[in-house]
Amino acid sequence: MGHATRSSVLIEKLQKNGDRVVVLAEGNAARYIKLRFPEIDVRSYPFFEMRYSPGVWLLPRVGFQLFPFIKSLKKEKKIAELLVKELEPDLIISDNRYGFYHPSIPSYLLCHQLHLSPPLLKNTINNRYRKWLGNFNEIWVPDYPGSGNLSGNLSRSIYQTPPLKYIGPLTALQKPAQEFDKDIDVLGVISGPEPGRKKFEIEMRKLFSKLQRDQGLRTHLILGKSFSGIGPERENPNEEDFAGPEKLSQLAAGARLIISRSGYSSIMDYHMLESNCLMIPTAGQPEQEYLANYHYSHGNIHLMQENEMNLSVVVKALETPRKIIVENNKGISLFEA
């Protein structure tokens, strides 16, 4: 979902520029785009998603998926060729889809990770990764340039790549102009693919039950499930299946603390909102673990592991607010003259 929300910012700007946009997406991402842009042509395509496992199972699981992942890049290239023939586009923007480009059409990769840090075969893997990056005319990095940034070392190129353009963070959330009363002590935002999302929901419910019972805290939970907005009214008024950008911006503005995963899109969102955050990285997801530790070490967030969720960390986070602040916050707009 994070890729869909950040891509929606580009879609909105392209539409304001008078461009016709066609989107290729699937599942929740496609439903989100259709909900936000009902007039847009959204084509469904089952992209490959890498799955991770914690601990000793990380390498075997990633290794097992390498062949189907490489095979999926070839399928993406064929789909791109077919759509170029049909649509005759002026450009292609690919959000972390390394196979979706065309040699005859300007192709731009939206990506904040310019090199990989696997525990084994680092040079071999990065050599292949550079070849995938090299298929694009330019890489658009949704971050600030320089040392003070949101993605840390992930977006610092240590290998030769295509030209880079740091376009600043992409977030659909906006800090409300008016001040909101802090009527929520702890706002929980659940995200991620199944079955991990459901597992996280179960653990968050346990935690929130203790926060309400033992600490008397006011909580609100966004489950990250449905995007239709259609269905029976929830019995619990302090829960939402899904919150769009405007709703989430308002809820976050009225919350003393947000507990969420540490995906990069969430980092960009809460940086924009200047929210006090407690982040719980997905176990076995190297990027989330790196981002959580990076921002924790810079004093930007509070940190808690999923297998160590306890009240004392939450209480401390409420007592000592932190914000995701960077040294260099001057992004470059894609649409500057």
C-alpha atoms as a PDB file:
ATOM      1  CA  MET A   1       0.000   0.000   0.000  1.00  0.00           C
ATOM      2  CA  GLY A   2       2.858   2.387   0.672  1.00  0.00           C
ATOM      3  CA  HIS A   3       3.823   2.428  -2.990  1.00  0.00           C
ATOM      4  CA  ALA A   4       0.235   3.228  -3.976  1.00  0.00           C
ATOM      5  CA  THR A   5      -0.045   6.149  -1.567  1.00  0.00           C
ATOM      6  CA  ARG A   6       3.240   7.738  -2.616  1.00  0.00           C
ATOM      7  CA  SER A   7       2.510   7.144  -6.318  1.00  0.00           C
ATOM      8  CA  SER A   8      -0.864   8.848  -5.847  1.00  0.00           C
ATOM      9  CA  VAL A   9       0.998  12.111  -5.191  1.00  0.00           C
ATOM     10  CA  LEU A  10       2.655  11.868  -8.610  1.00  0.00           C
ATOM     11  CA  ILE A  11      -0.644  10.901 -10.257  1.00  0.00           C
ATOM     12  CA  GLU A  12      -2.322  13.994  -8.815  1.00  0.00           C
ATOM     13  CA  LYS A  13       0.475  16.275 -10.024  1.00  0.00           C
ATOM     14  CA  LEU A  14       0.466  14.731 -13.498  1.00  0.00           C
ATOM     15  CA  GLN A  15      -3.292  15.211 -13.763  1.00  0.00           C
ATOM     16  CA  LYS A  16      -2.965  18.855 -12.742  1.00  0.00           C
ATOM     17  CA  ASN A  17      -0.342  19.128 -15.466  1.00  0.00           C
ATOM     18  CA  GLY A  18      -2.980  18.029 -17.988  1.00  0.00           C
ATOM     19  CA  ASP A  19      -1.531  14.564 -18.566  1.00  0.00           C
ATOM     20  CA  ARG A  20      -3.598  11.431 -19.102  1.00  0.00           C
ATOM     21  CA  VAL A  21      -2.500   8.758 -16.636  1.00  0.00           C
ATOM     22  CA  VAL A  22      -2.914   4.998 -16.900  1.00  0.00           C
ATOM     23  CA  VAL A  23      -2.051   2.966 -13.790  1.00  0.00           C
ATOM     24  CA  LEU A  24      -0.985  -0.664 -13.555  1.00  0.00           C
ATOM     25  CA  ALA A  25      -1.634  -2.116 -10.107  1.00  0.00           C
ATOM     26  CA  GLU A  26      -3.300  -4.992  -8.275  1.00  0.00           C
ATOM     27  CA  GLY A  27      -5.119  -5.894  -5.081  1.00  0.00           C
ATOM     28  CA  ASN A  28      -5.345  -3.259  -2.365  1.00  0.00           C
ATOM     29  CA  ALA A  29      -3.138  -0.867  -4.318  1.00  0.00           C
ATOM     30  CA  ALA A  30      -5.499  -0.958  -7.310  1.00  0.00           C
ATOM     31  CA  ARG A  31      -8.546  -0.520  -5.062  1.00  0.00           C
ATOM     32  CA  TYR A  32      -6.914   2.469  -3.343  1.00  0.00           C
ATOM     33  CA  ILE A  33      -6.092   4.176  -6.653  1.00  0.00           C
ATOM     34  CA  LYS A  34      -9.619   3.557  -7.984  1.00  0.00           C
ATOM     35  CA  LEU A  35     -11.127   4.947  -4.794  1.00  0.00           C
ATOM     36  CA  ARG A  36      -9.011   8.094  -4.882  1.00  0.00           C
ATOM     37  CA  PHE A  37      -9.069   8.595  -8.683  1.00  0.00           C
ATOM     38  CA  PRO A  38     -12.346   7.059  -9.966  1.00  0.00           C
ATOM     39  CA  GLU A  39     -11.835   8.562 -13.415  1.00  0.00           C
ATOM     40  CA  ILE A  40      -8.447   6.919 -13.992  1.00  0.00           C
ATOM     41  CA  ASP A  41      -7.866   3.852 -16.187  1.00  0.00           C
ATOM     42  CA  VAL A  42      -6.487   1.256 -13.750  1.00  0.00           C
ATOM     43  CA  ARG A  43      -5.223  -1.986 -15.298  1.00  0.00           C
ATOM     44  CA  SER A  44      -4.856  -5.047 -13.087  1.00  0.00           C
ATOM     45  CA  TYR A  45      -1.592  -6.968 -13.167  1.00  0.00           C
ATOM     46  CA  PRO A  46      -0.282  -9.456 -10.540  1.00  0.00           C
ATOM     47  CA  PHE A  47       3.152  -8.091  -9.655  1.00  0.00           C
ATOM     48  CA  PHE A  48       5.554 -10.285  -7.696  1.00  0.00           C
ATOM     49  CA  GLU A  49       6.037  -9.379  -4.037  1.00  0.00           C
ATOM     50  CA  MET A  50       9.076 -10.589  -2.111  1.00  0.00           C
ATOM     51  CA  ARG A  51       8.204 -12.170   1.243  1.00  0.00           C
ATOM     52  CA  TYR A  52      10.489 -12.175   4.265  1.00  0.00           C
ATOM     53  CA  SER A  53      10.916 -14.325   7.349  1.00  0.00           C
ATOM     54  CA  PRO A  54      12.606 -13.511  10.651  1.00  0.00           C
ATOM     55  CA  GLY A  55      15.813 -14.998  11.990  1.00  0.00           C
ATOM     56  CA  VAL A  56      17.487 -18.015  10.408  1.00  0.00           C
ATOM     57  CA  TRP A  57      14.668 -18.427   7.863  1.00  0.00           C
ATOM     58  CA  LEU A  58      15.377 -15.108   6.127  1.00  0.00           C
ATOM     59  CA  LEU A  59      18.074 -16.325   3.727  1.00  0.00           C
ATOM     60  CA  PRO A  60      16.376 -19.611   2.738  1.00  0.00           C
ATOM     61  CA  ARG A  61      13.084 -17.858   2.027  1.00  0.00           C
ATOM     62  CA  VAL A  62      14.647 -15.033   0.010  1.00  0.00           C
ATOM     63  CA  GLY A  63      16.824 -17.522  -1.886  1.00  0.00           C
ATOM     64  CA  PHE A  64      13.811 -19.648  -2.724  1.00  0.00           C
ATOM     65  CA  GLN A  65      12.086 -16.600  -4.274  1.00  0.00           C
ATOM     66  CA  LEU A  66      14.976 -15.323  -6.415  1.00  0.00           C
ATOM     67  CA  PHE A  67      14.163 -17.369  -9.519  1.00  0.00           C
ATOM     68  CA  PRO A  68      10.450 -16.459  -9.604  1.00  0.00           C
ATOM     69  CA  PHE A  69      11.403 -12.825  -8.931  1.00  0.00           C
ATOM     70  CA  ILE A  70      13.783 -12.702 -11.905  1.00  0.00           C
ATOM     71  CA  LYS A  71      11.166 -14.455 -14.021  1.00  0.00           C
ATOM     72  CA  SER A  72       8.628 -11.804 -13.011  1.00  0.00           C
ATOM     73  CA  LEU A  73      10.924  -9.038 -14.332  1.00  0.00           C
ATOM     74  CA  LYS A  74      10.797 -10.600 -17.784  1.00  0.00           C
ATOM     75  CA  LYS A  75       6.998 -10.688 -17.594  1.00  0.00           C
ATOM     76  CA  GLU A  76       6.930  -7.024 -16.575  1.00  0.00           C
ATOM     77  CA  LYS A  77       9.063  -6.126 -19.607  1.00  0.00           C
ATOM     78  CA  LYS A  78       6.669  -7.955 -21.944  1.00  0.00           C
ATOM     79  CA  ILE A  79       3.663  -6.202 -20.409  1.00  0.00           C
ATOM     80  CA  ALA A  80       5.428  -2.850 -20.837  1.00  0.00           C
ATOM     81  CA  GLU A  81       6.057  -3.610 -24.510  1.00  0.00           C
ATOM     82  CA  LEU A  82       2.387  -4.486 -25.077  1.00  0.00           C
ATOM     83  CA  LEU A  83       1.116  -1.377 -23.327  1.00  0.00           C
ATOM     84  CA  VAL A  84       3.538   0.880 -25.189  1.00  0.00           C
ATOM     85  CA  LYS A  85       2.124  -0.441 -28.478  1.00  0.00           C
ATOM     86  CA  GLU A  86      -1.437   0.129 -27.277  1.00  0.00           C
ATOM     87  CA  LEU A  87      -1.129   3.453 -25.456  1.00  0.00           C
ATOM     88  CA  GLU A  88       1.905   5.131 -27.081  1.00  0.00           C
ATOM     89  CA  PRO A  89       2.861   6.908 -23.824  1.00  0.00           C
ATOM     90  CA  ASP A  90       5.212   9.857 -23.528  1.00  0.00           C
ATOM     91  CA  LEU A  91       6.900   8.396 -20.450  1.00  0.00           C
ATOM     92  CA  ILE A  92       6.856   5.506 -18.004  1.00  0.00           C
ATOM     93  CA  ILE A  93       7.100   5.882 -14.226  1.00  0.00           C
ATOM     94  CA  SER A  94       7.857   2.607 -12.480  1.00  0.00           C
ATOM     95  CA  ASP A  95       7.531   2.444  -8.695  1.00  0.00           C
ATOM     96  CA  ASN A  96      10.091  -0.210  -7.713  1.00  0.00           C
ATOM     97  CA  ARG A  97       9.142  -2.395 -10.699  1.00  0.00           C
ATOM     98  CA  TYR A  98      12.566  -3.074 -12.145  1.00  0.00           C
ATOM     99  CA  GLY A  99      11.284  -4.852 -15.247  1.00  0.00           C
ATOM    100  CA  PHE A 100       8.742  -2.246 -16.245  1.00  0.00           C
ATOM    101  CA  TYR A 101      10.547   0.002 -18.736  1.00  0.00           C
ATOM    102  CA  HIS A 102      10.903   0.441 -22.486  1.00  0.00           C
ATOM    103  CA  PRO A 103      14.107   1.290 -24.386  1.00  0.00           C
ATOM    104  CA  SER A 104      12.258   3.660 -26.750  1.00  0.00           C
ATOM    105  CA  ILE A 105      10.258   5.533 -24.092  1.00  0.00           C
ATOM    106  CA  PRO A 106      11.758   7.713 -21.318  1.00  0.00           C
ATOM    107  CA  SER A 107      11.500   5.420 -18.297  1.00  0.00           C
ATOM    108  CA  TYR A 108      11.893   6.641 -14.727  1.00  0.00           C
ATOM    109  CA  LEU A 109      12.290   4.443 -11.663  1.00  0.00           C
ATOM    110  CA  LEU A 110      10.815   5.684  -8.387  1.00  0.00           C
ATOM    111  CA  CYS A 111      13.107   4.133  -5.797  1.00  0.00           C
ATOM    112  CA  HIS A 112      14.704   5.082  -2.469  1.00  0.00           C
ATOM    113  CA  GLN A 113      17.009   2.051  -2.218  1.00  0.00           C
ATOM    114  CA  LEU A 114      20.047   2.423  -4.453  1.00  0.00           C
ATOM    115  CA  HIS A 115      22.031  -0.532  -3.146  1.00  0.00           C
ATOM    116  CA  LEU A 116      21.361  -3.716  -1.204  1.00  0.00           C
ATOM    117  CA  SER A 117      23.060  -5.020   1.923  1.00  0.00           C
ATOM    118  CA  PRO A 118      22.486  -8.778   1.963  1.00  0.00           C
ATOM    119  CA  PRO A 119      24.381 -10.846   4.550  1.00  0.00           C
ATOM    120  CA  LEU A 120      25.924 -12.948   1.753  1.00  0.00           C
ATOM    121  CA  LEU A 121      27.038 -12.421  -1.881  1.00  0.00           C
ATOM    122  CA  LYS A 122      26.810  -8.637  -1.565  1.00  0.00           C
ATOM    123  CA  ASN A 123      28.888  -7.820  -4.673  1.00  0.00           C
ATOM    124  CA  THR A 124      27.202 -10.450  -6.840  1.00  0.00           C
ATOM    125  CA  ILE A 125      23.712  -9.311  -5.854  1.00  0.00           C
ATOM    126  CA  ASN A 126      24.505  -5.616  -6.281  1.00  0.00           C
ATOM    127  CA  ASN A 127      26.040  -6.238  -9.710  1.00  0.00           C
ATOM    128  CA  ARG A 128      22.712  -7.688 -10.811  1.00  0.00           C
ATOM    129  CA  TYR A 129      20.825  -4.907  -9.056  1.00  0.00           C
ATOM    130  CA  ARG A 130      22.838  -2.231 -10.897  1.00  0.00           C
ATOM    131  CA  LYS A 131      21.905  -3.834 -14.210  1.00  0.00           C
ATOM    132  CA  TRP A 132      18.224  -3.536 -13.332  1.00  0.00           C
ATOM    133  CA  LEU A 133      18.659   0.107 -12.332  1.00  0.00           C
ATOM    134  CA  GLY A 134      20.644   0.761 -15.509  1.00  0.00           C
ATOM    135  CA  ASN A 135      17.610   0.009 -17.688  1.00  0.00           C
ATOM    136  CA  PHE A 136      16.056   3.334 -16.677  1.00  0.00           C
ATOM    137  CA  ASN A 137      16.815   6.827 -17.951  1.00  0.00           C
ATOM    138  CA  GLU A 138      16.707   8.347 -14.487  1.00  0.00           C
ATOM    139  CA  ILE A 139      16.031   7.351 -10.896  1.00  0.00           C
ATOM    140  CA  TRP A 140      13.666   9.519  -8.891  1.00  0.00           C
ATOM    141  CA  VAL A 141      14.518   9.293  -5.182  1.00  0.00           C
ATOM    142  CA  PRO A 142      11.645  10.350  -2.878  1.00  0.00           C
ATOM    143  CA  ASP A 143      13.949  11.870  -0.289  1.00  0.00           C
ATOM    144  CA  TYR A 144      16.138  14.860   0.429  1.00  0.00           C
ATOM    145  CA  PRO A 145      19.659  15.008  -1.028  1.00  0.00           C
ATOM    146  CA  GLY A 146      22.726  14.996   1.186  1.00  0.00           C
ATOM    147  CA  SER A 147      23.481  13.497   4.557  1.00  0.00           C
ATOM    148  CA  GLY A 148      20.399  14.760   6.392  1.00  0.00           C
ATOM    149  CA  ASN A 149      17.652  12.624   4.904  1.00  0.00           C
ATOM    150  CA  LEU A 150      14.857  10.169   5.690  1.00  0.00           C
ATOM    151  CA  SER A 151      16.178   6.953   4.150  1.00  0.00           C
ATOM    152  CA  GLY A 152      19.711   7.056   5.566  1.00  0.00           C
ATOM    153  CA  ASN A 153      22.275   5.086   3.608  1.00  0.00           C
ATOM    154  CA  LEU A 154      19.609   3.357   1.511  1.00  0.00           C
ATOM    155  CA  SER A 155      19.394   6.278  -0.936  1.00  0.00           C
ATOM    156  CA  ARG A 156      23.118   7.040  -1.065  1.00  0.00           C
ATOM    157  CA  SER A 157      24.587   5.626  -4.218  1.00  0.00           C
ATOM    158  CA  ILE A 158      27.813   3.717  -3.660  1.00  0.00           C
ATOM    159  CA  TYR A 159      27.765   2.245  -7.178  1.00  0.00           C
ATOM    160  CA  GLN A 160      27.437   3.826 -10.586  1.00  0.00           C
ATOM    161  CA  THR A 161      23.757   4.282 -11.421  1.00  0.00           C
ATOM    162  CA  PRO A 162      21.684   6.216 -13.959  1.00  0.00           C
ATOM    163  CA  PRO A 163      21.251   9.945 -13.198  1.00  0.00           C
ATOM    164  CA  LEU A 164      19.607  10.563  -9.824  1.00  0.00           C
ATOM    165  CA  LYS A 165      16.992  13.172  -9.001  1.00  0.00           C
ATOM    166  CA  TYR A 166      16.082  13.704  -5.351  1.00  0.00           C
ATOM    167  CA  ILE A 167      12.463  14.832  -5.527  1.00  0.00           C
ATOM    168  CA  GLY A 168      11.710  15.175  -1.811  1.00  0.00           C
ATOM    169  CA  PRO A 169       9.363  12.968   0.243  1.00  0.00           C
ATOM    170  CA  LEU A 170       6.104  11.857  -1.355  1.00  0.00           C
ATOM    171  CA  THR A 171       3.132  11.745   0.984  1.00  0.00           C
ATOM    172  CA  ALA A 172      -0.581  12.175   0.455  1.00  0.00           C
ATOM    173  CA  LEU A 173      -0.978  13.389   4.046  1.00  0.00           C
ATOM    174  CA  GLN A 174      -1.068  17.056   4.971  1.00  0.00           C
ATOM    175  CA  LYS A 175      -0.653  18.719   8.328  1.00  0.00           C
ATOM    176  CA  PRO A 176      -4.016  20.395   9.037  1.00  0.00           C
ATOM    177  CA  ALA A 177      -3.929  24.180   9.064  1.00  0.00           C
ATOM    178  CA  GLN A 178      -5.913  24.279  12.289  1.00  0.00           C
ATOM    179  CA  GLU A 179      -4.835  22.797  15.592  1.00  0.00           C
ATOM    180  CA  PHE A 180      -6.733  19.707  16.742  1.00  0.00           C
ATOM    181  CA  ASP A 181      -7.411  18.823  20.369  1.00  0.00           C
ATOM    182  CA  LYS A 182      -5.393  15.787  21.408  1.00  0.00           C
ATOM    183  CA  ASP A 183      -8.432  13.590  22.036  1.00  0.00           C
ATOM    184  CA  ILE A 184      -6.553  10.360  21.195  1.00  0.00           C
ATOM    185  CA  ASP A 185      -3.700   9.213  23.400  1.00  0.00           C
ATOM    186  CA  VAL A 186      -2.504   6.384  21.151  1.00  0.00           C
ATOM    187  CA  LEU A 187      -3.363   5.920  17.480  1.00  0.00           C
ATOM    188  CA  GLY A 188      -2.470   2.504  16.050  1.00  0.00           C
ATOM    189  CA  VAL A 189      -1.973   2.081  12.295  1.00  0.00           C
ATOM    190  CA  ILE A 190      -1.850  -1.516  11.058  1.00  0.00           C
ATOM    191  CA  SER A 191      -0.512  -2.281   7.583  1.00  0.00           C
ATOM    192  CA  GLY A 192       1.175  -4.912   5.458  1.00  0.00           C
ATOM    193  CA  PRO A 193       0.171  -7.984   3.466  1.00  0.00           C
ATOM    194  CA  GLU A 194      -1.628 -10.971   4.938  1.00  0.00           C
ATOM    195  CA  PRO A 195      -1.034 -13.032   7.010  1.00  0.00           C
ATOM    196  CA  GLY A 196       1.420 -10.612   8.641  1.00  0.00           C
ATOM    197  CA  ARG A 197      -1.188  -7.847   8.870  1.00  0.00           C
ATOM    198  CA  LYS A 198      -3.585 -10.089  10.804  1.00  0.00           C
ATOM    199  CA  LYS A 199      -0.840 -11.216  13.179  1.00  0.00           C
ATOM    200  CA  PHE A 200       0.103  -7.593  13.856  1.00  0.00           C
ATOM    201  CA  GLU A 201      -3.568  -6.738  14.449  1.00  0.00           C
ATOM    202  CA  ILE A 202      -3.863  -9.483  17.087  1.00  0.00           C
ATOM    203  CA  GLU A 203      -0.779  -8.219  18.951  1.00  0.00           C
ATOM    204  CA  MET A 204      -1.928  -4.590  18.705  1.00  0.00           C
ATOM    205  CA  ARG A 205      -5.358  -5.472  20.097  1.00  0.00           C
ATOM    206  CA  LYS A 206      -3.708  -7.132  23.094  1.00  0.00           C
ATOM    207  CA  LEU A 207      -1.537  -4.067  23.668  1.00  0.00           C
ATOM    208  CA  PHE A 208      -4.406  -1.601  23.260  1.00  0.00           C
ATOM    209  CA  SER A 209      -6.605  -3.583  25.645  1.00  0.00           C
ATOM    210  CA  LYS A 210      -3.902  -3.216  28.324  1.00  0.00           C
ATOM    211  CA  LEU A 211      -3.467   0.485  27.547  1.00  0.00           C
ATOM    212  CA  GLN A 212      -7.181   1.062  28.070  1.00  0.00           C
ATOM    213  CA  ARG A 213      -7.571  -1.193  31.110  1.00  0.00           C
ATOM    214  CA  ASP A 214      -4.339  -0.521  33.000  1.00  0.00           C
ATOM    215  CA  GLN A 215      -3.517   3.046  31.961  1.00  0.00           C
ATOM    216  CA  GLY A 216      -6.938   4.491  31.158  1.00  0.00           C
ATOM    217  CA  LEU A 217      -5.665   5.718  27.787  1.00  0.00           C
ATOM    218  CA  ARG A 218      -7.853   6.763  24.869  1.00  0.00           C
ATOM    219  CA  THR A 219      -6.976   4.661  21.832  1.00  0.00           C
ATOM    220  CA  HIS A 220      -7.970   4.464  18.187  1.00  0.00           C
ATOM    221  CA  LEU A 221      -7.076   1.664  15.780  1.00  0.00           C
ATOM    222  CA  ILE A 222      -6.863   1.696  11.972  1.00  0.00           C
ATOM    223  CA  LEU A 223      -6.917  -1.903  10.771  1.00  0.00           C
ATOM    224  CA  GLY A 224      -5.702  -1.382   7.193  1.00  0.00           C
ATOM    225  CA  LYS A 225      -8.239  -3.837   5.741  1.00  0.00           C
ATOM    226  CA  SER A 226     -10.967  -2.491   3.454  1.00  0.00           C
ATOM    227  CA  PHE A 227     -10.873   0.307   0.887  1.00  0.00           C
ATOM    228  CA  SER A 228     -14.455   0.288  -0.356  1.00  0.00           C
ATOM    229  CA  GLY A 229     -15.941   2.387   2.421  1.00  0.00           C
ATOM    230  CA  ILE A 230     -19.014   0.158   2.130  1.00  0.00           C
ATOM    231  CA  GLY A 231     -20.213  -2.151   4.863  1.00  0.00           C
ATOM    232  CA  PRO A 232     -21.955  -2.309   8.220  1.00  0.00           C
ATOM    233  CA  GLU A 233     -21.146   0.322  10.797  1.00  0.00           C
ATOM    234  CA  ARG A 234     -18.474  -0.864  13.202  1.00  0.00           C
ATOM    235  CA  GLU A 235     -19.575  -1.681  16.740  1.00  0.00           C
ATOM    236  CA  ASN A 236     -16.446  -0.020  18.111  1.00  0.00           C
ATOM    237  CA  PRO A 237     -16.369   3.704  17.220  1.00  0.00           C
ATOM    238  CA  ASN A 238     -12.654   3.768  18.004  1.00  0.00           C
ATOM    239  CA  GLU A 239     -11.770   1.496  15.084  1.00  0.00           C
ATOM    240  CA  GLU A 240     -11.603   2.004  11.337  1.00  0.00           C
ATOM    241  CA  ASP A 241     -11.091  -0.581   8.615  1.00  0.00           C
ATOM    242  CA  PHE A 242      -9.327   2.049   6.536  1.00  0.00           C
ATOM    243  CA  ALA A 243      -8.535   5.772   6.720  1.00  0.00           C
ATOM    244  CA  GLY A 244      -7.851   7.801   3.591  1.00  0.00           C
ATOM    245  CA  PRO A 245      -5.300  10.649   3.495  1.00  0.00           C
ATOM    246  CA  GLU A 246      -7.637  13.348   4.850  1.00  0.00           C
ATOM    247  CA  LYS A 247      -9.020  11.168   7.638  1.00  0.00           C
ATOM    248  CA  LEU A 248      -5.596   9.861   8.650  1.00  0.00           C
ATOM    249  CA  SER A 249      -4.176  13.394   8.681  1.00  0.00           C
ATOM    250  CA  GLN A 250      -6.938  14.481  11.069  1.00  0.00           C
ATOM    251  CA  LEU A 251      -6.602  11.436  13.337  1.00  0.00           C
ATOM    252  CA  ALA A 252      -2.817  11.839  13.492  1.00  0.00           C
ATOM    253  CA  ALA A 253      -3.141  15.550  14.292  1.00  0.00           C
ATOM    254  CA  GLY A 254      -5.379  14.648  17.228  1.00  0.00           C
ATOM    255  CA  ALA A 255      -3.135  11.888  18.604  1.00  0.00           C
ATOM    256  CA  ARG A 256      -0.418  12.209  21.217  1.00  0.00           C
ATOM    257  CA  LEU A 257       1.346   9.100  19.855  1.00  0.00           C
ATOM    258  CA  ILE A 258       1.195   6.946  16.723  1.00  0.00           C
ATOM    259  CA  ILE A 259       2.210   3.279  16.764  1.00  0.00           C
ATOM    260  CA  SER A 260       2.905   1.781  13.330  1.00  0.00           C
ATOM    261  CA  ARG A 261       5.259  -0.239  11.171  1.00  0.00           C
ATOM    262  CA  SER A 262       8.464   1.440   9.980  1.00  0.00           C
ATOM    263  CA  GLY A 263       7.940   1.246   6.225  1.00  0.00           C
ATOM    264  CA  TYR A 264       9.425   4.096   4.233  1.00  0.00           C
ATOM    265  CA  SER A 265       6.034   5.500   3.228  1.00  0.00           C
ATOM    266  CA  SER A 266       5.090   5.707   6.919  1.00  0.00           C
ATOM    267  CA  ILE A 267       8.379   7.484   7.632  1.00  0.00           C
ATOM    268  CA  MET A 268       7.542  10.085   4.963  1.00  0.00           C
ATOM    269  CA  ASP A 269       3.964  10.466   6.249  1.00  0.00           C
ATOM    270  CA  TYR A 270       4.855  11.063   9.895  1.00  0.00           C
ATOM    271  CA  HIS A 271       7.757  13.325   8.971  1.00  0.00           C
ATOM    272  CA  MET A 272       5.302  15.540   7.092  1.00  0.00           C
ATOM    273  CA  LEU A 273       2.818  15.515  10.006  1.00  0.00           C
ATOM    274  CA  GLU A 274       5.554  16.038  12.652  1.00  0.00           C
ATOM    275  CA  SER A 275       3.996  13.208  14.658  1.00  0.00           C
ATOM    276  CA  ASN A 276       5.317  11.533  17.785  1.00  0.00           C
ATOM    277  CA  CYS A 277       5.935   7.941  16.661  1.00  0.00           C
ATOM    278  CA  LEU A 278       6.607   4.546  18.196  1.00  0.00           C
ATOM    279  CA  MET A 279       7.597   2.177  15.406  1.00  0.00           C
ATOM    280  CA  ILE A 280       7.538  -1.608  15.326  1.00  0.00           C
ATOM    281  CA  PRO A 281       9.521  -3.006  12.351  1.00  0.00           C
ATOM    282  CA  THR A 282       8.291  -6.154  10.644  1.00  0.00           C
ATOM    283  CA  ALA A 283      10.561  -8.950  11.858  1.00  0.00           C
ATOM    284  CA  GLY A 284      12.746 -10.275   9.041  1.00  0.00           C
ATOM    285  CA  GLN A 285      12.119  -7.250   6.797  1.00  0.00           C
ATOM    286  CA  PRO A 286      15.625  -5.747   6.443  1.00  0.00           C
ATOM    287  CA  GLU A 287      14.521  -2.342   5.124  1.00  0.00           C
ATOM    288  CA  GLN A 288      12.029  -1.737   7.944  1.00  0.00           C
ATOM    289  CA  GLU A 289      14.537  -2.907  10.550  1.00  0.00           C
ATOM    290  CA  TYR A 290      17.213  -0.591   9.132  1.00  0.00           C
ATOM    291  CA  LEU A 291      14.883   2.445   8.938  1.00  0.00           C
ATOM    292  CA  ALA A 292      13.587   1.917  12.470  1.00  0.00           C
ATOM    293  CA  ASN A 293      17.093   1.624  13.915  1.00  0.00           C
ATOM    294  CA  TYR A 294      18.368   4.552  11.833  1.00  0.00           C
ATOM    295  CA  HIS A 295      15.694   6.955  13.048  1.00  0.00           C
ATOM    296  CA  TYR A 296      15.820   5.620  16.605  1.00  0.00           C
ATOM    297  CA  SER A 297      19.581   6.219  16.712  1.00  0.00           C
ATOM    298  CA  HIS A 298      18.983   9.816  15.544  1.00  0.00           C
ATOM    299  CA  GLY A 299      16.394  10.406  18.257  1.00  0.00           C
ATOM    300  CA  ASN A 300      13.547  10.762  15.748  1.00  0.00           C
ATOM    301  CA  ILE A 301      11.270   7.930  16.911  1.00  0.00           C
ATOM    302  CA  HIS A 302      10.635   5.495  19.723  1.00  0.00           C
ATOM    303  CA  LEU A 303      11.295   1.827  18.932  1.00  0.00           C
ATOM    304  CA  MET A 304       9.731  -1.442  20.044  1.00  0.00           C
ATOM    305  CA  GLN A 305      10.075  -5.006  18.735  1.00  0.00           C
ATOM    306  CA  GLU A 306       6.970  -7.047  17.970  1.00  0.00           C
ATOM    307  CA  ASN A 307       7.965  -9.822  20.380  1.00  0.00           C
ATOM    308  CA  GLU A 308       8.622  -7.285  23.166  1.00  0.00           C
ATOM    309  CA  MET A 309       5.477  -5.129  23.077  1.00  0.00           C
ATOM    310  CA  ASN A 310       4.902  -3.712  26.564  1.00  0.00           C
ATOM    311  CA  LEU A 311       3.202  -0.815  28.316  1.00  0.00           C
ATOM    312  CA  SER A 312       6.322   0.829  29.709  1.00  0.00           C
ATOM    313  CA  VAL A 313       7.699   1.663  26.254  1.00  0.00           C
ATOM    314  CA  VAL A 314       4.375   3.205  25.219  1.00  0.00           C
ATOM    315  CA  VAL A 315       4.131   5.261  28.433  1.00  0.00           C
ATOM    316  CA  LYS A 316       7.689   6.537  27.951  1.00  0.00           C
ATOM    317  CA  ALA A 317       6.907   7.478  24.343  1.00  0.00           C
ATOM    318  CA  LEU A 318       3.903   9.485  25.539  1.00  0.00           C
ATOM    319  CA  GLU A 319       5.990  11.275  28.164  1.00  0.00           C
ATOM    320  CA  THR A 320       8.910  12.102  25.835  1.00  0.00           C
ATOM    321  CA  PRO A 321       7.619  13.016  22.353  1.00  0.00           C
ATOM    322  CA  ARG A 322       9.943  12.665  19.373  1.00  0.00           C
ATOM    323  CA  LYS A 323       9.572  13.917  15.803  1.00  0.00           C
ATOM    324  CA  ILE A 324      11.126  12.735  12.540  1.00  0.00           C
ATOM    325  CA  ILE A 325      13.315  15.721  11.789  1.00  0.00           C
ATOM    326  CA  VAL A 326      16.091  15.858   9.188  1.00  0.00           C
ATOM    327  CA  GLU A 327      18.947  18.308   8.720  1.00  0.00           C
ATOM    328  CA  ASN A 328      18.258  19.025   5.066  1.00  0.00           C
ATOM    329  CA  ASN A 329      14.570  19.394   4.302  1.00  0.00           C
ATOM    330  CA  LYS A 330      14.765  21.164   0.964  1.00  0.00           C
ATOM    331  CA  GLY A 331      13.411  18.745  -1.591  1.00  0.00           C
ATOM    332  CA  ILE A 332      13.399  19.376  -5.316  1.00  0.00           C
ATOM    333  CA  SER A 333      10.025  19.408  -7.018  1.00  0.00           C
ATOM    334  CA  LEU A 334       9.665  17.262 -10.111  1.00  0.00           C
ATOM    335  CA  PHE A 335       7.546  19.935 -11.684  1.00  0.00           C
ATOM    336  CA  GLU A 336       9.776  22.945 -11.127  1.00  0.00           C
ATOM    337  CA  ALA A 337      10.442  24.979 -14.252  1.00  0.00           C
END
